[in-house]
Amino acid sequence: MLFPTASLAQPAPRVVVTGVGIVTALGCGWKPNAAGFRAGRSAFRPVSLFDVSRQRVKRAAEVDLPAVPLKTRLSPRQNSRLDRAASLLLLASVEAWQQAGWESVEDLPLVLGTTAGGMTFGEAYFRQATRTPGCAPGQAARAVHYQPQVQARMVLDGLGFDGPVTIISNACASGANAIGHAWEMIRAGQAEAVLTGGYDALCEMVFAGFDALQALSPTLCRPFDAHRDGLALGEGAGILALETFDRARRRGALILGEVAAYSTAIDPHHLTQPHPEGETALAVMKQACAAAGLAPEALDYVNAHGTGTPLNDSSEALAISRWAGDRAVTLPVSSTKAGIGHLLGAAGAVEAVSCLMALREQWLPAQAAFDSPDPACRFPIVSRPRDARIGVALSNSFGFGGVNAALIFRKGETAPP
């Protein structure tokens, strides 16, 4: 439901999460992903989606898509045109929608983050155009479905609702910024509910690009480890059903958690390298805490951006240590990218879901492949499965181009599902 922007005299509404959907290499849905995050399971395997024989790295975190298509409102023709990215997006969207208990007649915004979108259509278009330049069967359809707004349209049609669509594409912070933008829309009174999140699928061009940059780890993705040597790629989708607390309470909805704050800022230091002292990362964490009215001492867990690259992790480690102060020595931190890889535009959204899972079920996401902490880490890395009483979690997302974002989540107020 859309309604006019709220008066500045009115307090901003609380924004809660009443449904989530998640797809990663750990599995489809809440249960397999929660179990995998809790145990710190690694989901990497040899790439089978495309030829990597000429690449130096040959592993990634691939998703096993269901053999049977989802039952949605999409026509058979629309289903036949779903690429891998759109399938991931639709799987997560259906789960979030059903868990929230929203009606198909709803009129609400859809805000999505992605980096590659329908890149597989772009790759197919290029191959067709270069191999047989004068032959164009299917090229028009590939050009149309390459566009992420068409994939978003599949979500609207599949779930049977309508509303404005916003696509955010600012590298690895896309998913977090999409959630933050949706949060701001509700807080500003532009909507009572928003479906939001991020998605990205593995594709040959992106994989080859990261490999050519030698950014991929030839061994293991080990965020914050002194011997880390690069990131690992994965794929997936994370979708959140956000709405005002009053709306959720009126309809008796299960509240999975609350989005307490969001902050974003640009790091102008370098196009692909963060400021070595983590100045902008520090700023967004401070701003998020200020927006939530919380001191670092009130935080119980930090889901770090933690890519496993030398420059990113040392910068973020310094930023977290400076931001947390004395609290740093006891503040649990981990990076789920060690188990499911870097999901690019989906990363911030999937990591938001992992925070909500931890808050819901009272455990800390364990990080796979961690042995020797980087000297910049004053905080403990959660390297083993561990139950914990946590009420507030912060999630960091930093992207190429200097886009930094932080989200803060609070524990929900109702019984676990």
Protein backbone atom coordinates (compact mmCIF):
# COMPACT_ATOMS: atom_id res chain seq x y z
CA MET A 1 0.00 0.00 0.00
CA LEU A 2 1.34 3.42 -0.95
CA PHE A 3 0.43 6.63 0.82
CA PRO A 4 1.73 10.23 0.97
CA THR A 5 5.01 11.05 2.65
CA ALA A 6 4.60 11.35 6.40
CA SER A 7 4.79 14.75 8.07
CA LEU A 8 8.11 15.58 9.64
CA ALA A 9 6.23 16.14 12.89
CA GLN A 10 5.24 12.47 13.00
CA PRO A 11 7.69 9.95 14.44
CA ALA A 12 9.13 7.58 11.85
CA PRO A 13 7.48 4.14 12.01
CA ARG A 14 9.39 1.10 13.18
CA VAL A 15 10.27 -1.26 10.32
CA VAL A 16 10.03 -5.00 10.95
CA VAL A 17 10.72 -8.14 8.94
CA THR A 18 7.79 -10.54 8.61
CA GLY A 19 9.18 -12.83 5.92
CA VAL A 20 12.52 -13.85 4.47
CA GLY A 21 13.61 -15.95 1.54
CA ILE A 22 17.10 -17.27 0.98
CA VAL A 23 18.89 -19.37 -1.62
CA THR A 24 22.62 -20.16 -1.42
CA ALA A 25 24.91 -23.08 -2.14
CA LEU A 26 23.95 -24.32 1.35
CA GLY A 27 20.42 -24.94 0.08
CA CYS A 28 17.06 -23.36 -0.65
CA GLY A 29 15.15 -21.93 2.28
CA TRP A 30 15.58 -21.07 5.95
CA LYS A 31 16.32 -24.52 7.38
CA PRO A 32 19.36 -25.68 5.34
CA ASN A 33 20.91 -22.22 5.37
CA ALA A 34 20.44 -21.71 9.11
CA ALA A 35 22.01 -25.10 9.77
CA GLY A 36 24.91 -24.32 7.42
CA PHE A 37 25.60 -20.86 8.86
CA ARG A 38 25.40 -22.17 12.40
CA ALA A 39 27.88 -24.98 11.70
CA GLY A 40 30.20 -22.87 9.52
CA ARG A 41 29.81 -25.30 6.63
CA SER A 42 31.73 -24.72 3.40
CA ALA A 43 29.75 -25.15 0.17
CA PHE A 44 32.47 -24.80 -2.49
CA ARG A 45 32.91 -27.31 -5.29
CA PRO A 46 34.30 -27.50 -8.85
CA VAL A 47 32.49 -25.16 -11.23
CA SER A 48 30.10 -27.04 -13.53
CA LEU A 49 28.05 -24.17 -15.04
CA PHE A 50 30.68 -23.12 -17.58
CA ASP A 51 34.17 -24.01 -18.78
CA VAL A 52 36.91 -22.97 -16.32
CA SER A 53 39.70 -25.07 -17.84
CA ARG A 54 41.64 -21.91 -18.77
CA GLN A 55 41.10 -20.20 -15.42
CA ARG A 56 43.59 -20.37 -12.57
CA VAL A 57 40.74 -20.95 -10.05
CA LYS A 58 38.18 -23.67 -10.69
CA ARG A 59 35.89 -23.70 -7.62
CA ALA A 60 32.87 -21.69 -6.54
CA ALA A 61 29.74 -22.05 -4.42
CA GLU A 62 27.08 -23.22 -6.89
CA VAL A 63 23.39 -23.54 -6.03
CA ASP A 64 21.47 -26.74 -6.76
CA LEU A 65 18.24 -25.41 -8.23
CA PRO A 66 15.08 -27.50 -7.73
CA ALA A 67 14.40 -29.92 -10.57
CA VAL A 68 10.71 -28.98 -10.59
CA PRO A 69 9.82 -25.32 -11.29
CA LEU A 70 8.03 -23.35 -8.60
CA LYS A 71 4.26 -23.08 -8.82
CA THR A 72 3.64 -19.38 -9.33
CA ARG A 73 1.35 -17.23 -11.47
CA LEU A 74 3.89 -17.16 -14.30
CA SER A 75 2.77 -18.59 -17.62
CA PRO A 76 4.62 -21.55 -19.19
CA ARG A 77 6.14 -19.10 -21.69
CA GLN A 78 7.44 -16.87 -18.86
CA ASN A 79 8.81 -19.90 -17.00
CA SER A 80 10.71 -20.97 -20.12
CA ARG A 81 12.44 -17.58 -20.18
CA LEU A 82 13.71 -17.63 -16.59
CA ASP A 83 17.49 -17.62 -16.50
CA ARG A 84 19.49 -18.79 -13.50
CA ALA A 85 19.52 -15.38 -11.80
CA ALA A 86 15.76 -14.92 -12.20
CA SER A 87 15.15 -18.43 -10.84
CA LEU A 88 17.20 -17.66 -7.72
CA LEU A 89 15.35 -14.38 -7.27
CA LEU A 90 11.93 -15.98 -7.69
CA LEU A 91 12.71 -18.82 -5.26
CA ALA A 92 13.68 -16.39 -2.51
CA SER A 93 10.81 -14.02 -3.26
CA VAL A 94 8.18 -16.75 -3.03
CA GLU A 95 9.54 -17.93 0.32
CA ALA A 96 9.57 -14.41 1.78
CA TRP A 97 6.09 -13.62 0.42
CA GLN A 98 4.54 -16.81 1.76
CA GLN A 99 6.21 -16.50 5.15
CA ALA A 100 4.96 -12.92 5.47
CA GLY A 101 1.45 -14.03 4.55
CA TRP A 102 0.96 -11.16 2.11
CA GLU A 103 -1.98 -11.18 -0.30
CA SER A 104 -1.57 -11.23 -4.07
CA VAL A 105 -3.80 -8.17 -4.46
CA GLU A 106 -1.25 -6.02 -2.64
CA ASP A 107 0.10 -2.87 -4.30
CA LEU A 108 3.59 -2.33 -2.92
CA PRO A 109 7.12 -1.45 -4.06
CA LEU A 110 9.82 -3.92 -5.05
CA VAL A 111 13.42 -2.82 -4.39
CA LEU A 112 16.19 -5.13 -5.63
CA GLY A 113 19.98 -5.07 -5.68
CA THR A 114 22.07 -6.90 -8.29
CA THR A 115 25.35 -6.53 -10.14
CA ALA A 116 25.20 -9.01 -13.02
CA GLY A 117 21.41 -9.30 -13.38
CA GLY A 118 20.66 -11.37 -16.50
CA MET A 119 24.28 -11.59 -17.60
CA THR A 120 23.83 -15.12 -18.96
CA PHE A 121 21.45 -13.65 -21.55
CA GLY A 122 24.14 -11.11 -22.44
CA GLU A 123 26.71 -13.87 -22.83
CA ALA A 124 24.36 -15.87 -25.06
CA TYR A 125 23.64 -12.77 -27.14
CA PHE A 126 27.37 -12.13 -27.63
CA ARG A 127 28.10 -15.74 -28.64
CA GLN A 128 25.28 -15.75 -31.16
CA ALA A 129 26.32 -12.38 -32.59
CA THR A 130 29.99 -13.37 -32.99
CA ARG A 131 29.53 -16.93 -34.25
CA THR A 132 26.76 -16.26 -36.78
CA PRO A 133 26.50 -12.47 -37.28
CA GLY A 134 23.78 -12.69 -39.90
CA CYS A 135 21.59 -15.07 -37.92
CA ALA A 136 19.43 -13.50 -35.21
CA PRO A 137 16.92 -16.05 -33.86
CA GLY A 138 16.17 -15.34 -30.22
CA GLN A 139 18.40 -12.27 -30.05
CA ALA A 140 15.54 -9.85 -29.34
CA ALA A 141 14.35 -11.97 -26.40
CA ARG A 142 17.90 -12.19 -25.03
CA ALA A 143 18.32 -8.43 -25.24
CA VAL A 144 15.04 -7.84 -23.41
CA HIS A 145 15.53 -10.40 -20.64
CA TYR A 146 19.10 -9.27 -20.05
CA GLN A 147 17.64 -6.22 -18.29
CA PRO A 148 17.14 -6.61 -14.52
CA GLN A 149 13.80 -4.79 -14.56
CA VAL A 150 12.41 -7.66 -16.64
CA GLN A 151 13.53 -10.12 -13.96
CA ALA A 152 11.83 -7.89 -11.37
CA ARG A 153 8.69 -7.99 -13.52
CA MET A 154 8.78 -11.79 -13.24
CA VAL A 155 8.54 -11.42 -9.46
CA LEU A 156 5.53 -9.12 -9.74
CA ASP A 157 3.78 -11.42 -12.20
CA GLY A 158 4.75 -14.59 -10.35
CA LEU A 159 3.41 -13.37 -7.01
CA GLY A 160 0.47 -11.45 -8.43
CA PHE A 161 1.11 -7.95 -7.13
CA ASP A 162 2.03 -4.61 -8.64
CA GLY A 163 3.89 -1.47 -7.66
CA PRO A 164 6.96 0.62 -8.48
CA VAL A 165 10.24 -1.22 -9.09
CA THR A 166 13.66 0.11 -8.05
CA ILE A 167 16.90 -1.58 -9.16
CA ILE A 168 20.06 -0.69 -7.23
CA SER A 169 23.39 -1.72 -8.72
CA ASN A 170 26.41 -0.42 -6.83
CA ALA A 171 28.64 -3.48 -6.72
CA CYS A 172 28.95 -5.56 -3.57
CA ALA A 173 26.79 -3.24 -1.47
CA SER A 174 23.78 -3.53 -3.80
CA GLY A 175 21.75 -5.92 -1.64
CA ALA A 176 22.37 -3.97 1.57
CA ASN A 177 21.58 -0.67 -0.13
CA ALA A 178 18.35 -2.11 -1.54
CA ILE A 179 17.23 -3.08 1.97
CA GLY A 180 18.32 0.31 3.27
CA HIS A 181 16.41 2.12 0.53
CA ALA A 182 13.29 0.09 1.32
CA TRP A 183 13.72 0.91 5.02
CA GLU A 184 13.97 4.60 4.19
CA MET A 185 10.83 4.45 2.03
CA ILE A 186 8.80 3.02 4.90
CA ARG A 187 10.31 5.40 7.44
CA ALA A 188 9.52 8.37 5.18
CA GLY A 189 5.92 7.26 4.87
CA GLN A 190 6.17 6.42 1.16
CA ALA A 191 4.98 2.83 1.72
CA GLU A 192 3.67 0.61 4.49
CA ALA A 193 5.37 -2.49 3.11
CA VAL A 194 8.17 -3.23 0.65
CA LEU A 195 9.58 -6.46 -0.79
CA THR A 196 13.35 -6.06 -1.02
CA GLY A 197 16.70 -7.83 -1.25
CA GLY A 198 19.41 -8.87 -3.68
CA TYR A 199 20.28 -11.60 -6.15
CA ASP A 200 23.10 -12.68 -8.47
CA ALA A 201 24.02 -15.87 -10.31
CA LEU A 202 27.42 -17.19 -11.26
CA CYS A 203 28.31 -16.42 -14.85
CA GLU A 204 31.37 -16.92 -16.99
CA MET A 205 32.19 -13.27 -17.68
CA VAL A 206 32.19 -12.21 -14.02
CA PHE A 207 34.10 -15.30 -12.90
CA ALA A 208 36.73 -14.83 -15.62
CA GLY A 209 37.03 -11.14 -14.75
CA PHE A 210 37.74 -11.74 -11.09
CA ASP A 211 40.13 -14.56 -12.02
CA ALA A 212 42.00 -12.30 -14.47
CA LEU A 213 42.39 -9.71 -11.71
CA GLN A 214 43.85 -12.51 -9.55
CA ALA A 215 41.34 -11.55 -6.89
CA LEU A 216 40.14 -15.16 -6.46
CA SER A 217 41.78 -17.40 -3.90
CA PRO A 218 43.62 -20.38 -5.41
CA THR A 219 43.40 -22.12 -2.01
CA LEU A 220 40.63 -21.29 0.49
CA CYS A 221 38.66 -18.14 1.17
CA ARG A 222 39.89 -17.18 4.68
CA PRO A 223 38.55 -13.79 5.78
CA PHE A 224 40.68 -12.03 8.42
CA ASP A 225 43.22 -14.84 8.39
CA ALA A 226 46.85 -13.72 8.28
CA HIS A 227 47.44 -16.06 5.31
CA ARG A 228 44.39 -15.08 3.24
CA ASP A 229 44.97 -14.84 -0.49
CA GLY A 230 41.71 -13.81 -2.13
CA LEU A 231 37.96 -14.13 -2.30
CA ALA A 232 35.74 -16.92 -3.61
CA LEU A 233 32.60 -16.46 -5.68
CA GLY A 234 29.15 -17.84 -5.02
CA GLU A 235 25.57 -17.21 -6.08
CA GLY A 236 22.21 -16.81 -4.43
CA ALA A 237 19.41 -14.51 -3.37
CA GLY A 238 18.12 -12.98 -0.15
CA ILE A 239 14.69 -11.36 0.04
CA LEU A 240 13.04 -9.58 2.99
CA ALA A 241 9.39 -8.65 3.47
CA LEU A 242 9.51 -5.32 5.32
CA GLU A 243 6.52 -3.51 6.83
CA THR A 244 5.65 -1.11 9.60
CA PHE A 245 5.39 -2.56 13.06
CA ASP A 246 1.82 -1.28 13.34
CA ARG A 247 0.78 -3.01 10.11
CA ALA A 248 2.37 -6.28 11.21
CA ARG A 249 0.71 -6.07 14.61
CA ARG A 250 -2.72 -5.28 13.10
CA ARG A 251 -2.70 -8.42 11.04
CA GLY A 252 -1.10 -10.60 13.72
CA ALA A 253 2.01 -11.34 11.68
CA LEU A 254 5.05 -13.19 12.96
CA ILE A 255 7.88 -10.66 13.46
CA LEU A 256 11.25 -12.18 12.61
CA GLY A 257 13.25 -9.09 13.52
CA GLU A 258 13.47 -5.34 13.18
CA VAL A 259 15.60 -3.18 10.89
CA ALA A 260 16.86 -0.73 13.49
CA ALA A 261 19.14 1.41 11.31
CA TYR A 262 20.84 1.86 7.97
CA SER A 263 23.76 4.00 6.86
CA THR A 264 25.64 4.42 3.60
CA ALA A 265 28.58 6.55 2.44
CA ILE A 266 31.14 6.76 -0.36
CA ASP A 267 34.83 6.00 0.11
CA PRO A 268 36.67 8.28 -2.38
CA HIS A 269 40.09 6.75 -1.66
CA HIS A 270 40.31 4.48 -4.73
CA LEU A 271 38.00 2.83 -7.24
CA THR A 272 38.72 -0.73 -6.06
CA GLN A 273 40.74 -0.33 -2.85
CA PRO A 274 39.33 0.77 0.51
CA HIS A 275 40.97 3.44 2.61
CA PRO A 276 43.78 1.62 4.46
CA GLU A 277 42.54 2.91 7.83
CA GLY A 278 38.91 2.09 7.02
CA GLU A 279 37.71 5.68 7.37
CA THR A 280 34.43 5.28 5.48
CA ALA A 281 33.71 1.86 6.98
CA LEU A 282 34.17 3.45 10.39
CA ALA A 283 31.84 6.30 9.41
CA VAL A 284 28.95 4.07 8.30
CA MET A 285 29.14 1.96 11.47
CA LYS A 286 29.09 5.10 13.59
CA GLN A 287 26.21 6.58 11.60
CA ALA A 288 24.17 3.38 11.83
CA CYS A 289 24.66 3.23 15.59
CA ALA A 290 23.66 6.88 15.91
CA ALA A 291 20.51 6.25 13.85
CA ALA A 292 19.60 3.29 16.08
CA GLY A 293 20.47 5.18 19.25
CA LEU A 294 22.98 2.51 20.25
CA ALA A 295 26.57 2.52 21.46
CA PRO A 296 28.98 -0.16 20.19
CA GLU A 297 28.73 -1.81 23.61
CA ALA A 298 25.09 -2.67 22.81
CA LEU A 299 26.03 -4.72 19.74
CA ASP A 300 26.19 -8.50 20.19
CA TYR A 301 27.51 -9.59 16.80
CA VAL A 302 29.02 -8.16 13.60
CA ASN A 303 28.60 -9.89 10.25
CA ALA A 304 31.66 -8.49 8.50
CA HIS A 305 31.97 -7.80 4.80
CA GLY A 306 35.10 -9.97 5.10
CA THR A 307 35.94 -10.92 1.53
CA GLY A 308 39.26 -12.65 2.24
CA THR A 309 41.29 -10.16 0.21
CA PRO A 310 44.38 -8.65 1.90
CA LEU A 311 43.40 -4.98 1.57
CA ASN A 312 39.68 -5.26 2.33
CA ASP A 313 40.03 -7.33 5.49
CA SER A 314 42.81 -5.29 7.07
CA SER A 315 40.89 -2.05 6.39
CA GLU A 316 37.66 -3.44 7.83
CA ALA A 317 39.46 -4.94 10.82
CA LEU A 318 40.95 -1.56 11.71
CA ALA A 319 37.56 0.12 11.25
CA ILE A 320 35.75 -2.37 13.50
CA SER A 321 38.47 -2.12 16.14
CA ARG A 322 38.37 1.68 16.13
CA TRP A 323 34.56 1.80 16.15
CA ALA A 324 34.11 -0.77 18.92
CA GLY A 325 36.89 0.56 21.17
CA ASP A 326 37.21 -1.46 24.38
CA ARG A 327 34.24 -3.59 23.32
CA ALA A 328 36.26 -4.97 20.40
CA VAL A 329 38.12 -7.56 22.47
CA THR A 330 34.87 -9.38 23.30
CA LEU A 331 32.76 -8.54 20.21
CA PRO A 332 32.04 -11.66 18.08
CA VAL A 333 32.73 -11.15 14.37
CA SER A 334 32.52 -13.53 11.42
CA SER A 335 32.20 -13.55 7.64
CA THR A 336 29.75 -15.97 6.02
CA LYS A 337 31.58 -15.51 2.69
CA ALA A 338 34.03 -18.15 3.93
CA GLY A 339 31.28 -20.73 3.46
CA ILE A 340 29.07 -19.52 0.62
CA GLY A 341 31.43 -17.22 -1.26
CA HIS A 342 30.99 -13.62 -2.29
CA LEU A 343 27.49 -13.27 -3.77
CA LEU A 344 28.16 -9.78 -5.18
CA GLY A 345 24.78 -8.01 -5.47
CA ALA A 346 23.13 -10.65 -3.27
CA ALA A 347 25.81 -10.58 -0.55
CA GLY A 348 24.40 -7.84 1.68
CA ALA A 349 20.87 -9.24 1.49
CA VAL A 350 21.86 -12.86 2.21
CA GLU A 351 24.05 -11.69 5.09
CA ALA A 352 21.11 -9.68 6.44
CA VAL A 353 19.07 -12.89 6.45
CA SER A 354 21.87 -14.72 8.27
CA CYS A 355 21.80 -12.03 10.97
CA LEU A 356 18.04 -12.44 11.34
CA MET A 357 18.50 -16.21 11.64
CA ALA A 358 21.10 -15.75 14.37
CA LEU A 359 18.86 -13.32 16.26
CA ARG A 360 15.86 -15.63 15.86
CA GLU A 361 17.56 -18.84 16.96
CA GLN A 362 20.23 -17.40 19.31
CA TRP A 363 23.50 -18.61 17.84
CA LEU A 364 26.50 -17.02 16.14
CA PRO A 365 27.31 -17.78 12.48
CA ALA A 366 30.57 -19.73 12.48
CA GLN A 367 33.26 -18.89 9.93
CA ALA A 368 34.86 -21.68 7.96
CA ALA A 369 38.60 -21.84 7.22
CA PHE A 370 40.11 -19.64 9.90
CA ASP A 371 43.42 -20.42 11.61
CA SER A 372 45.66 -17.41 12.23
CA PRO A 373 44.09 -14.01 12.95
CA ASP A 374 45.38 -10.94 11.16
CA PRO A 375 47.23 -8.70 13.65
CA ALA A 376 44.72 -5.91 12.88
CA CYS A 377 41.92 -8.00 14.42
CA ARG A 378 41.39 -6.96 18.02
CA PHE A 379 38.09 -8.83 18.01
CA PRO A 380 37.43 -12.60 18.26
CA ILE A 381 36.44 -14.42 15.06
CA VAL A 382 33.63 -16.94 15.54
CA SER A 383 35.35 -20.03 14.13
CA ARG A 384 33.29 -22.76 15.83
CA PRO A 385 29.55 -23.37 16.28
CA ARG A 386 28.36 -21.47 19.30
CA ASP A 387 25.05 -20.62 20.98
CA ALA A 388 24.77 -17.08 22.28
CA ARG A 389 22.26 -14.61 23.66
CA ILE A 390 22.16 -11.86 21.07
CA GLY A 391 19.67 -9.04 20.66
CA VAL A 392 21.38 -6.70 18.18
CA ALA A 393 23.51 -7.46 15.12
CA LEU A 394 25.30 -5.25 12.59
CA SER A 395 26.02 -6.24 8.99
CA ASN A 396 28.69 -4.52 6.85
CA SER A 397 28.72 -4.36 3.04
CA PHE A 398 31.43 -2.61 1.04
CA GLY A 399 31.62 -2.46 -2.75
CA PHE A 400 33.89 -1.53 -5.64
CA GLY A 401 33.54 2.14 -6.38
CA GLY A 402 33.67 2.92 -2.68
CA VAL A 403 30.03 2.28 -1.71
CA ASN A 404 29.90 1.34 1.97
CA ALA A 405 26.76 0.36 3.88
CA ALA A 406 25.82 -0.87 7.35
CA LEU A 407 22.54 -2.34 8.59
CA ILE A 408 21.54 -2.94 12.21
CA PHE A 409 18.96 -5.57 13.16
CA ARG A 410 17.16 -6.16 16.45
CA LYS A 411 15.67 -9.41 17.69
CA GLY A 412 11.94 -9.86 17.02
CA GLU A 413 9.32 -9.75 19.72
CA THR A 414 7.39 -12.94 19.03
CA ALA A 415 8.04 -16.65 19.48
CA PRO A 416 10.29 -18.49 16.98
CA PRO A 417 8.58 -20.14 13.99
